[in-house]
N, C-alpha and C. Protein backbone atom coordinates (compact mmCIF):
# COMPACT_ATOMS: atom_id res chain seq x y z
N MET A 1 106.96 85.50 109.62
CA MET A 1 108.00 86.26 108.90
C MET A 1 107.31 86.99 107.77
N GLU A 2 107.53 88.34 107.66
CA GLU A 2 106.83 89.11 106.65
C GLU A 2 107.44 88.64 105.30
N LEU A 3 106.54 88.75 104.22
CA LEU A 3 106.96 88.51 102.97
C LEU A 3 107.97 89.20 102.53
N ALA A 4 108.04 90.57 102.62
CA ALA A 4 109.10 91.31 102.19
C ALA A 4 110.45 91.03 102.86
N ARG A 5 110.48 90.58 104.16
CA ARG A 5 111.79 90.19 104.76
C ARG A 5 112.12 88.78 104.20
N ARG A 6 111.19 88.04 103.94
CA ARG A 6 111.51 86.71 103.46
C ARG A 6 112.17 86.91 102.11
N ALA A 7 111.55 87.84 101.26
CA ALA A 7 112.13 88.06 99.91
C ALA A 7 113.59 88.63 100.00
N PHE A 8 113.79 89.46 101.03
CA PHE A 8 115.12 90.11 101.20
C PHE A 8 116.07 89.05 101.65
N LEU A 9 115.80 88.15 102.64
CA LEU A 9 116.65 87.15 103.06
C LEU A 9 116.95 86.14 102.09
N SER A 10 115.97 85.98 101.09
CA SER A 10 116.24 84.95 100.17
C SER A 10 116.84 85.49 98.90
N ALA A 11 117.22 86.85 98.88
CA ALA A 11 117.80 87.47 97.84
C ALA A 11 116.94 87.54 96.56
N GLN A 12 115.66 87.56 96.79
CA GLN A 12 114.73 87.76 95.74
C GLN A 12 114.01 89.05 95.88
N ARG A 13 114.21 89.82 94.66
CA ARG A 13 113.58 91.17 94.72
C ARG A 13 112.10 91.10 94.25
N PRO A 14 111.29 91.87 95.07
CA PRO A 14 109.85 92.02 94.66
C PRO A 14 109.80 92.60 93.29
N ARG A 15 108.89 92.15 92.36
CA ARG A 15 108.77 92.71 91.05
C ARG A 15 107.65 93.85 90.97
N GLN A 16 107.88 94.71 90.18
CA GLN A 16 106.91 95.85 90.09
C GLN A 16 105.68 95.15 89.53
N GLU A 17 104.40 95.76 89.89
CA GLU A 17 103.14 95.24 89.34
C GLU A 17 102.81 95.45 87.95
N LYS A 18 103.06 96.70 87.56
CA LYS A 18 102.71 97.19 86.23
C LYS A 18 103.82 97.11 85.32
N ILE A 19 103.45 96.88 84.01
CA ILE A 19 104.56 96.84 83.05
C ILE A 19 104.75 98.25 82.42
N PHE A 20 105.98 98.72 82.46
CA PHE A 20 106.17 99.98 81.96
C PHE A 20 107.16 99.85 80.75
N ARG A 21 106.75 100.28 79.59
CA ARG A 21 107.48 100.16 78.34
C ARG A 21 108.65 101.17 78.36
N PRO A 22 109.53 101.04 77.44
CA PRO A 22 110.72 101.99 77.45
C PRO A 22 110.13 103.46 77.15
N PRO A 23 111.06 104.49 77.34
CA PRO A 23 110.60 105.79 77.08
C PRO A 23 110.41 105.90 75.55
N TRP A 24 109.47 106.58 75.14
CA TRP A 24 109.01 107.03 73.77
C TRP A 24 108.47 105.74 72.95
N ALA A 25 107.99 104.73 73.93
CA ALA A 25 107.39 103.69 73.12
C ALA A 25 106.18 104.15 72.45
N ASN A 26 105.86 103.66 71.22
CA ASN A 26 104.78 103.98 70.42
C ASN A 26 103.59 103.11 71.17
N ALA A 27 102.92 103.78 71.91
CA ALA A 27 101.83 103.06 72.71
C ALA A 27 100.79 102.25 71.92
N ASP A 28 100.46 102.83 70.81
CA ASP A 28 99.45 102.13 69.93
C ASP A 28 99.94 100.90 69.26
N ARG A 29 101.30 100.95 68.86
CA ARG A 29 101.72 99.90 67.96
C ARG A 29 103.05 99.20 68.54
N PHE A 30 103.35 99.46 69.80
CA PHE A 30 104.75 98.98 70.30
C PHE A 30 104.86 97.54 70.24
N LEU A 31 103.77 96.82 70.55
CA LEU A 31 103.90 95.29 70.53
C LEU A 31 103.97 94.73 69.02
N GLU A 32 103.36 95.46 68.18
CA GLU A 32 103.42 95.11 66.75
C GLU A 32 104.70 95.42 66.13
N GLN A 33 105.39 96.54 66.48
CA GLN A 33 106.58 97.02 65.89
C GLN A 33 107.92 96.55 66.46
N CYS A 34 107.80 96.15 67.67
CA CYS A 34 109.12 95.74 68.51
C CYS A 34 109.32 94.30 67.96
N THR A 35 110.65 94.06 67.67
CA THR A 35 111.07 92.73 67.21
C THR A 35 111.69 91.90 68.24
N ARG A 36 111.82 92.46 69.41
CA ARG A 36 112.45 91.90 70.54
C ARG A 36 113.97 91.67 70.34
N CYS A 37 114.62 92.59 69.56
CA CYS A 37 115.98 92.26 69.24
C CYS A 37 116.98 92.61 70.52
N ASP A 38 116.47 93.32 71.42
CA ASP A 38 117.29 93.53 72.77
C ASP A 38 118.23 94.75 72.49
N GLU A 39 118.37 95.29 71.45
CA GLU A 39 119.34 96.42 71.31
C GLU A 39 119.05 97.45 72.25
N CYS A 40 117.86 97.81 72.57
CA CYS A 40 117.59 98.89 73.41
C CYS A 40 118.02 98.37 74.94
N ILE A 41 117.81 97.28 75.19
CA ILE A 41 118.22 96.84 76.54
C ILE A 41 119.85 96.74 76.63
N ARG A 42 120.31 96.35 75.50
CA ARG A 42 121.98 96.22 75.59
C ARG A 42 122.57 97.65 75.67
N ILE A 43 121.98 98.65 75.11
CA ILE A 43 122.54 99.87 75.12
C ILE A 43 122.15 100.85 76.22
N CYS A 44 121.16 100.51 77.00
CA CYS A 44 120.66 101.41 78.14
C CYS A 44 121.86 101.54 79.12
N PRO A 45 122.35 102.89 79.15
CA PRO A 45 123.46 103.07 80.12
C PRO A 45 123.13 102.93 81.56
N THR A 46 121.85 102.95 81.96
CA THR A 46 121.44 102.90 83.42
C THR A 46 120.92 101.62 83.87
N SER A 47 120.89 100.67 82.87
CA SER A 47 120.28 99.22 83.09
C SER A 47 118.82 99.14 83.57
N LEU A 48 118.18 100.29 83.17
CA LEU A 48 116.77 100.34 83.53
C LEU A 48 115.85 99.39 82.70
N LEU A 49 116.28 99.31 81.40
CA LEU A 49 115.62 98.47 80.44
C LEU A 49 115.92 96.93 80.62
N VAL A 50 115.06 96.12 80.75
CA VAL A 50 115.26 94.56 80.91
C VAL A 50 114.30 93.99 79.90
N LYS A 51 114.66 92.55 79.80
CA LYS A 51 113.68 91.71 78.92
C LYS A 51 112.49 91.40 79.92
N GLY A 52 111.49 91.60 79.42
CA GLY A 52 110.14 91.46 80.29
C GLY A 52 109.30 90.37 79.62
N SER A 53 108.06 90.50 80.00
CA SER A 53 106.97 89.61 79.61
C SER A 53 106.84 89.38 78.03
N GLY A 54 106.89 88.19 77.61
CA GLY A 54 106.93 87.91 76.21
C GLY A 54 108.27 88.31 75.37
N GLY A 55 109.20 88.65 76.25
CA GLY A 55 110.56 88.90 75.56
C GLY A 55 110.60 90.50 75.18
N PHE A 56 109.53 91.29 75.40
CA PHE A 56 109.43 92.72 75.16
C PHE A 56 110.33 93.46 76.22
N PRO A 57 110.98 94.54 75.74
CA PRO A 57 111.72 95.38 76.74
C PRO A 57 110.81 96.14 77.59
N GLU A 58 111.15 96.21 78.90
CA GLU A 58 110.40 96.90 79.82
C GLU A 58 111.28 97.85 80.63
N ALA A 59 110.73 98.91 81.19
CA ALA A 59 111.51 99.70 82.18
C ALA A 59 111.19 99.12 83.63
N ASP A 60 112.15 98.57 84.30
CA ASP A 60 112.09 97.94 85.50
C ASP A 60 112.51 99.01 86.72
N PHE A 61 111.40 99.34 87.26
CA PHE A 61 111.46 100.29 88.44
C PHE A 61 111.50 99.57 89.77
N THR A 62 112.00 98.30 89.74
CA THR A 62 112.13 97.48 91.07
C THR A 62 113.23 98.23 91.66
N PRO A 63 113.12 98.55 93.02
CA PRO A 63 114.22 99.23 93.78
C PRO A 63 115.49 98.40 93.64
N GLY A 64 116.64 99.06 93.33
CA GLY A 64 117.91 98.31 93.22
C GLY A 64 118.28 98.02 91.81
N GLN A 65 117.16 98.00 90.74
CA GLN A 65 117.48 97.64 89.38
C GLN A 65 118.38 98.76 88.75
N SER A 66 117.94 99.95 88.85
CA SER A 66 118.76 101.00 88.20
C SER A 66 118.86 102.21 89.02
N VAL A 67 120.21 102.39 89.49
CA VAL A 67 120.34 103.42 90.59
C VAL A 67 120.02 104.84 90.04
N GLU A 68 120.43 105.05 88.75
CA GLU A 68 119.98 106.43 88.07
C GLU A 68 118.58 106.56 87.57
N GLY A 69 117.88 105.41 87.44
CA GLY A 69 116.66 105.54 86.68
C GLY A 69 116.93 105.87 85.28
N CYS A 70 115.92 106.49 84.59
CA CYS A 70 116.19 106.76 83.06
C CYS A 70 116.62 108.18 83.03
N ASN A 71 117.78 108.37 82.28
CA ASN A 71 118.37 109.68 81.97
C ASN A 71 117.82 110.33 80.71
N PHE A 72 116.94 109.66 80.07
CA PHE A 72 116.40 110.09 78.74
C PHE A 72 117.43 110.48 77.85
N CYS A 73 118.48 109.71 77.64
CA CYS A 73 119.53 109.85 76.81
C CYS A 73 119.09 109.61 75.28
N GLY A 74 118.14 108.81 75.16
CA GLY A 74 117.69 108.61 73.83
C GLY A 74 118.47 107.48 72.99
N GLN A 75 119.29 106.88 73.65
CA GLN A 75 120.05 105.74 72.86
C GLN A 75 119.34 104.63 72.52
N CYS A 76 118.24 104.35 73.29
CA CYS A 76 117.26 103.21 72.99
C CYS A 76 116.56 103.50 71.63
N VAL A 77 116.14 104.75 71.47
CA VAL A 77 115.42 105.29 70.31
C VAL A 77 116.38 105.18 69.11
N ASP A 78 117.67 105.53 69.35
CA ASP A 78 118.55 105.63 68.27
C ASP A 78 118.80 104.17 67.67
N VAL A 79 118.71 103.16 68.49
CA VAL A 79 119.12 101.75 67.90
C VAL A 79 117.77 100.99 67.53
N CYS A 80 116.62 101.46 67.65
CA CYS A 80 115.42 100.94 67.39
C CYS A 80 115.08 101.12 65.87
N LEU A 81 115.41 100.17 65.07
CA LEU A 81 115.20 100.15 63.63
C LEU A 81 113.84 100.12 63.11
N THR A 82 112.93 99.57 63.98
CA THR A 82 111.59 99.48 63.59
C THR A 82 110.71 100.54 64.01
N HIS A 83 111.22 101.54 64.63
CA HIS A 83 110.51 102.76 65.15
C HIS A 83 109.44 102.39 66.25
N ALA A 84 109.57 101.31 66.84
CA ALA A 84 108.72 101.03 68.00
C ALA A 84 108.90 101.95 69.06
N LEU A 85 110.11 102.56 69.23
CA LEU A 85 110.44 103.70 69.95
C LEU A 85 110.83 104.94 68.93
N ARG A 86 109.91 106.00 69.28
CA ARG A 86 110.07 107.09 68.44
C ARG A 86 109.99 108.34 69.19
N LYS A 87 111.13 109.09 69.29
CA LYS A 87 111.34 110.23 69.96
C LYS A 87 110.58 111.51 69.26
N ASP A 88 109.65 112.05 70.00
CA ASP A 88 108.86 113.25 69.69
C ASP A 88 109.09 114.28 70.59
N VAL A 89 109.62 115.44 70.09
CA VAL A 89 110.06 116.51 70.96
C VAL A 89 108.78 117.07 71.73
N ASP A 90 107.59 117.03 71.09
CA ASP A 90 106.40 117.67 71.69
C ASP A 90 105.69 116.58 72.61
N VAL A 91 106.12 115.47 72.77
CA VAL A 91 105.52 114.45 73.58
C VAL A 91 106.51 113.98 74.76
N SER A 92 105.90 113.86 75.85
CA SER A 92 106.67 113.46 77.08
C SER A 92 107.22 111.86 76.65
N PRO A 93 108.36 111.53 77.22
CA PRO A 93 108.79 110.16 76.90
C PRO A 93 107.95 109.10 77.41
N TRP A 94 107.17 109.49 78.51
CA TRP A 94 106.02 108.42 79.09
C TRP A 94 105.21 109.33 80.01
N GLN A 95 104.11 108.76 80.33
CA GLN A 95 103.15 109.41 81.22
C GLN A 95 103.15 108.66 82.54
N GLN A 96 104.15 109.03 83.44
CA GLN A 96 104.30 108.44 84.71
C GLN A 96 104.84 109.32 85.69
N ILE A 97 104.61 109.22 86.89
CA ILE A 97 105.26 109.99 87.92
C ILE A 97 105.46 109.05 89.24
N ALA A 98 106.28 109.67 90.12
CA ALA A 98 106.62 108.97 91.30
C ALA A 98 105.42 109.29 92.38
N LEU A 99 105.21 108.43 93.27
CA LEU A 99 104.27 108.65 94.34
C LEU A 99 104.96 108.15 95.53
N ILE A 100 104.94 108.97 96.60
CA ILE A 100 105.54 108.66 97.92
C ILE A 100 104.61 108.16 98.91
N GLY A 101 104.73 106.96 99.34
CA GLY A 101 103.69 106.32 100.17
C GLY A 101 103.91 106.57 101.70
N ASP A 102 103.04 106.02 102.49
CA ASP A 102 102.97 106.17 103.95
C ASP A 102 104.11 105.65 104.58
N ALA A 103 104.93 104.67 104.08
CA ALA A 103 105.94 103.98 104.57
C ALA A 103 107.19 104.96 104.76
N CYS A 104 107.14 106.20 104.14
CA CYS A 104 108.37 107.13 104.18
C CYS A 104 108.70 107.45 105.44
N LEU A 105 109.91 107.46 105.64
CA LEU A 105 110.51 107.70 107.12
C LEU A 105 110.21 109.08 107.54
N ALA A 106 110.26 110.09 106.67
CA ALA A 106 109.82 111.45 107.05
C ALA A 106 108.35 111.42 107.57
N LYS A 107 107.53 110.77 106.96
CA LYS A 107 106.18 110.64 107.34
C LYS A 107 105.98 109.86 108.75
N GLN A 108 107.05 109.26 109.11
CA GLN A 108 107.10 108.64 110.51
C GLN A 108 107.94 109.36 111.49
N ASN A 109 108.19 110.71 111.07
CA ASN A 109 108.92 111.63 111.98
C ASN A 109 110.41 111.32 112.10
N VAL A 110 111.04 110.62 111.01
CA VAL A 110 112.39 110.37 111.07
C VAL A 110 113.03 111.19 109.83
N VAL A 111 114.11 111.92 110.03
CA VAL A 111 114.70 112.80 109.08
C VAL A 111 115.32 111.84 107.90
N CYS A 112 114.78 111.91 106.73
CA CYS A 112 115.42 111.38 105.70
C CYS A 112 114.99 112.22 104.39
N ARG A 113 116.00 112.44 103.55
CA ARG A 113 115.84 113.27 102.43
C ARG A 113 116.48 112.62 101.18
N THR A 114 116.57 111.38 101.15
CA THR A 114 117.24 110.72 100.10
C THR A 114 116.71 110.87 98.79
N CYS A 115 115.28 110.68 98.80
CA CYS A 115 114.66 110.96 97.47
C CYS A 115 114.91 112.32 96.90
N GLY A 116 114.96 113.29 97.65
CA GLY A 116 115.01 114.68 97.16
C GLY A 116 116.48 114.98 96.71
N GLU A 117 117.46 114.26 97.40
CA GLU A 117 118.75 114.42 96.96
C GLU A 117 119.15 113.87 95.67
N LEU A 118 118.41 112.68 95.35
CA LEU A 118 118.49 112.02 94.08
C LEU A 118 117.76 112.51 92.98
N CYS A 119 116.82 113.42 93.21
CA CYS A 119 115.96 113.90 91.99
C CYS A 119 116.78 115.14 91.33
N ASP A 120 117.16 114.90 90.17
CA ASP A 120 117.84 115.76 89.43
C ASP A 120 117.10 117.00 88.93
N VAL A 121 115.78 116.79 88.78
CA VAL A 121 114.98 117.94 88.33
C VAL A 121 114.32 118.70 89.48
N GLY A 122 114.50 118.27 90.72
CA GLY A 122 114.03 119.06 91.96
C GLY A 122 112.61 118.87 92.07
N ALA A 123 112.04 117.82 91.74
CA ALA A 123 110.56 117.49 91.76
C ALA A 123 110.14 117.16 93.30
N ILE A 124 111.13 116.74 94.14
CA ILE A 124 110.78 116.42 95.49
C ILE A 124 111.50 117.42 96.34
N ARG A 125 110.67 117.99 97.16
CA ARG A 125 111.20 119.17 97.95
C ARG A 125 110.79 118.89 99.40
N PHE A 126 111.50 119.42 100.39
CA PHE A 126 111.34 119.29 101.73
C PHE A 126 111.19 120.67 102.40
N PRO A 127 110.01 121.30 102.36
CA PRO A 127 109.83 122.71 102.95
C PRO A 127 109.87 122.43 104.41
N PRO A 128 110.36 123.46 105.14
CA PRO A 128 110.24 123.42 106.54
C PRO A 128 109.06 123.24 107.18
N ARG A 129 108.95 122.62 108.38
CA ARG A 129 107.67 122.38 109.08
C ARG A 129 107.80 122.72 110.45
N LEU A 130 107.02 123.40 111.15
CA LEU A 130 107.01 123.77 112.45
C LEU A 130 106.65 122.51 113.32
N GLY A 131 107.50 122.15 114.27
CA GLY A 131 107.09 121.06 115.20
C GLY A 131 107.29 119.72 114.64
N GLY A 132 107.99 119.46 113.54
CA GLY A 132 108.13 118.19 113.04
C GLY A 132 109.19 118.21 111.95
N VAL A 133 109.36 116.98 111.45
CA VAL A 133 110.35 116.65 110.29
C VAL A 133 109.73 117.16 109.16
N SER A 134 110.55 117.77 108.22
CA SER A 134 110.00 118.20 106.79
C SER A 134 109.57 117.13 106.05
N LEU A 135 108.44 117.26 105.51
CA LEU A 135 107.79 116.11 104.76
C LEU A 135 108.02 116.32 103.36
N PRO A 136 108.16 115.16 102.47
CA PRO A 136 108.48 115.42 100.99
C PRO A 136 107.15 115.87 100.34
N GLN A 137 107.52 116.82 99.42
CA GLN A 137 106.34 117.26 98.58
C GLN A 137 106.76 117.00 97.07
N LEU A 138 106.03 116.35 96.27
CA LEU A 138 106.33 116.09 94.96
C LEU A 138 105.61 117.01 94.22
N ASP A 139 106.32 117.68 93.32
CA ASP A 139 105.85 118.51 92.22
C ASP A 139 105.52 117.64 91.01
N ALA A 140 104.24 117.25 90.86
CA ALA A 140 103.91 116.33 89.80
C ALA A 140 104.23 117.01 88.33
N ALA A 141 104.09 118.21 88.14
CA ALA A 141 104.41 118.87 87.00
C ALA A 141 105.84 118.78 86.49
N SER A 142 106.84 118.71 87.56
CA SER A 142 108.23 118.58 87.32
C SER A 142 108.69 117.30 87.27
N CYS A 143 107.93 116.21 87.80
CA CYS A 143 108.40 114.90 87.93
C CYS A 143 108.44 114.27 86.52
N THR A 144 109.56 113.65 86.23
CA THR A 144 109.73 113.00 84.87
C THR A 144 109.39 111.50 84.97
N GLY A 145 109.24 110.96 86.23
CA GLY A 145 109.06 109.57 86.34
C GLY A 145 110.17 108.70 86.00
N CYS A 146 111.37 109.23 86.22
CA CYS A 146 112.70 108.69 85.83
C CYS A 146 112.96 107.51 86.66
N GLY A 147 112.49 107.60 87.91
CA GLY A 147 112.83 106.38 88.84
C GLY A 147 113.96 106.46 89.74
N ALA A 148 114.69 107.64 89.57
CA ALA A 148 116.05 107.71 90.40
C ALA A 148 115.81 107.86 91.89
N CYS A 149 114.62 108.56 92.23
CA CYS A 149 114.30 108.70 93.63
C CYS A 149 114.07 107.39 94.46
N LEU A 150 113.66 106.40 93.73
CA LEU A 150 113.20 105.21 94.51
C LEU A 150 114.49 104.30 94.70
N SER A 151 115.66 104.50 94.14
CA SER A 151 116.74 103.56 94.13
C SER A 151 117.31 103.34 95.48
N ASP A 152 117.35 104.48 96.33
CA ASP A 152 117.93 104.34 97.70
C ASP A 152 116.99 104.59 98.80
N CYS A 153 115.70 104.66 98.46
CA CYS A 153 114.74 104.84 99.40
C CYS A 153 114.80 103.65 100.54
N PRO A 154 115.08 103.84 101.74
CA PRO A 154 115.39 102.69 102.77
C PRO A 154 114.10 101.96 103.09
N THR A 155 112.92 102.67 102.96
CA THR A 155 111.72 101.82 103.13
C THR A 155 110.84 101.35 101.95
N ARG A 156 111.56 101.72 100.74
CA ARG A 156 110.82 101.38 99.51
C ARG A 156 109.40 101.96 99.55
N ALA A 157 109.29 103.26 99.93
CA ALA A 157 108.16 103.96 99.89
C ALA A 157 107.66 104.61 98.75
N ILE A 158 108.51 104.63 97.71
CA ILE A 158 108.23 105.22 96.48
C ILE A 158 107.95 104.31 95.43
N ARG A 159 106.96 104.69 94.55
CA ARG A 159 106.59 103.73 93.42
C ARG A 159 106.47 104.60 92.27
N ILE A 160 106.60 104.04 91.15
CA ILE A 160 106.41 104.74 89.87
C ILE A 160 104.90 104.28 89.44
N HIS A 161 104.11 105.26 89.06
CA HIS A 161 102.78 104.95 88.66
C HIS A 161 102.43 105.75 87.30
N SER A 162 101.61 105.02 86.56
CA SER A 162 101.23 105.81 85.18
C SER A 162 100.22 106.88 85.65
N ILE A 163 100.17 108.02 84.93
CA ILE A 163 99.33 109.02 85.28
C ILE A 163 97.82 108.47 85.31
N ALA A 164 97.62 107.60 84.45
CA ALA A 164 96.30 107.05 84.41
C ALA A 164 95.96 106.41 85.70
N GLN A 165 96.94 105.62 86.29
CA GLN A 165 96.79 105.03 87.73
C GLN A 165 96.47 106.13 88.78
N GLN A 166 97.45 107.14 88.64
CA GLN A 166 97.19 108.20 89.58
C GLN A 166 95.81 108.78 89.60
N GLY A 167 95.17 109.01 88.48
CA GLY A 167 93.91 109.57 88.53
C GLY A 167 92.89 108.62 89.00
N ALA A 168 93.18 107.31 88.95
CA ALA A 168 92.18 106.15 89.40
C ALA A 168 92.43 106.04 90.92
N ALA A 169 93.59 106.32 91.47
CA ALA A 169 93.86 105.95 92.81
C ALA A 169 93.11 106.95 93.88
């Protein structure tokens, strides 16, 4: 039995491999400034933020955790009294994007556009292709890394990666 199937049948979700801090986390001082008060977790309207390693808040991009992903509402920043989360209009909320893997149904010649339909910013498009199913194309410049695209992916082919990981891959 495959591990993924076993996890599904035993109602255990596979965890994401990398730790993603909440949007606008002060990268240099987040662990020092965060008091682990859980206010950001409690107020997150999409349930993306969860208590993670060491009790610190994390953005959980495990499929099924947050259907909407991050909507960048800023409520987590508003309740952070220590400024571990600090909104800066000149800085992106985080440095991550979605990546679409080979398990994608469209790459297997099966029509599926779920990720594109869920992407509010239109970063995933399906241009017509002669002789086959339209393949997803991710516009990395438009992708906010919000995670909405992965919530309903039937094959879990989409993962969120930090841009630093992207360059190393």
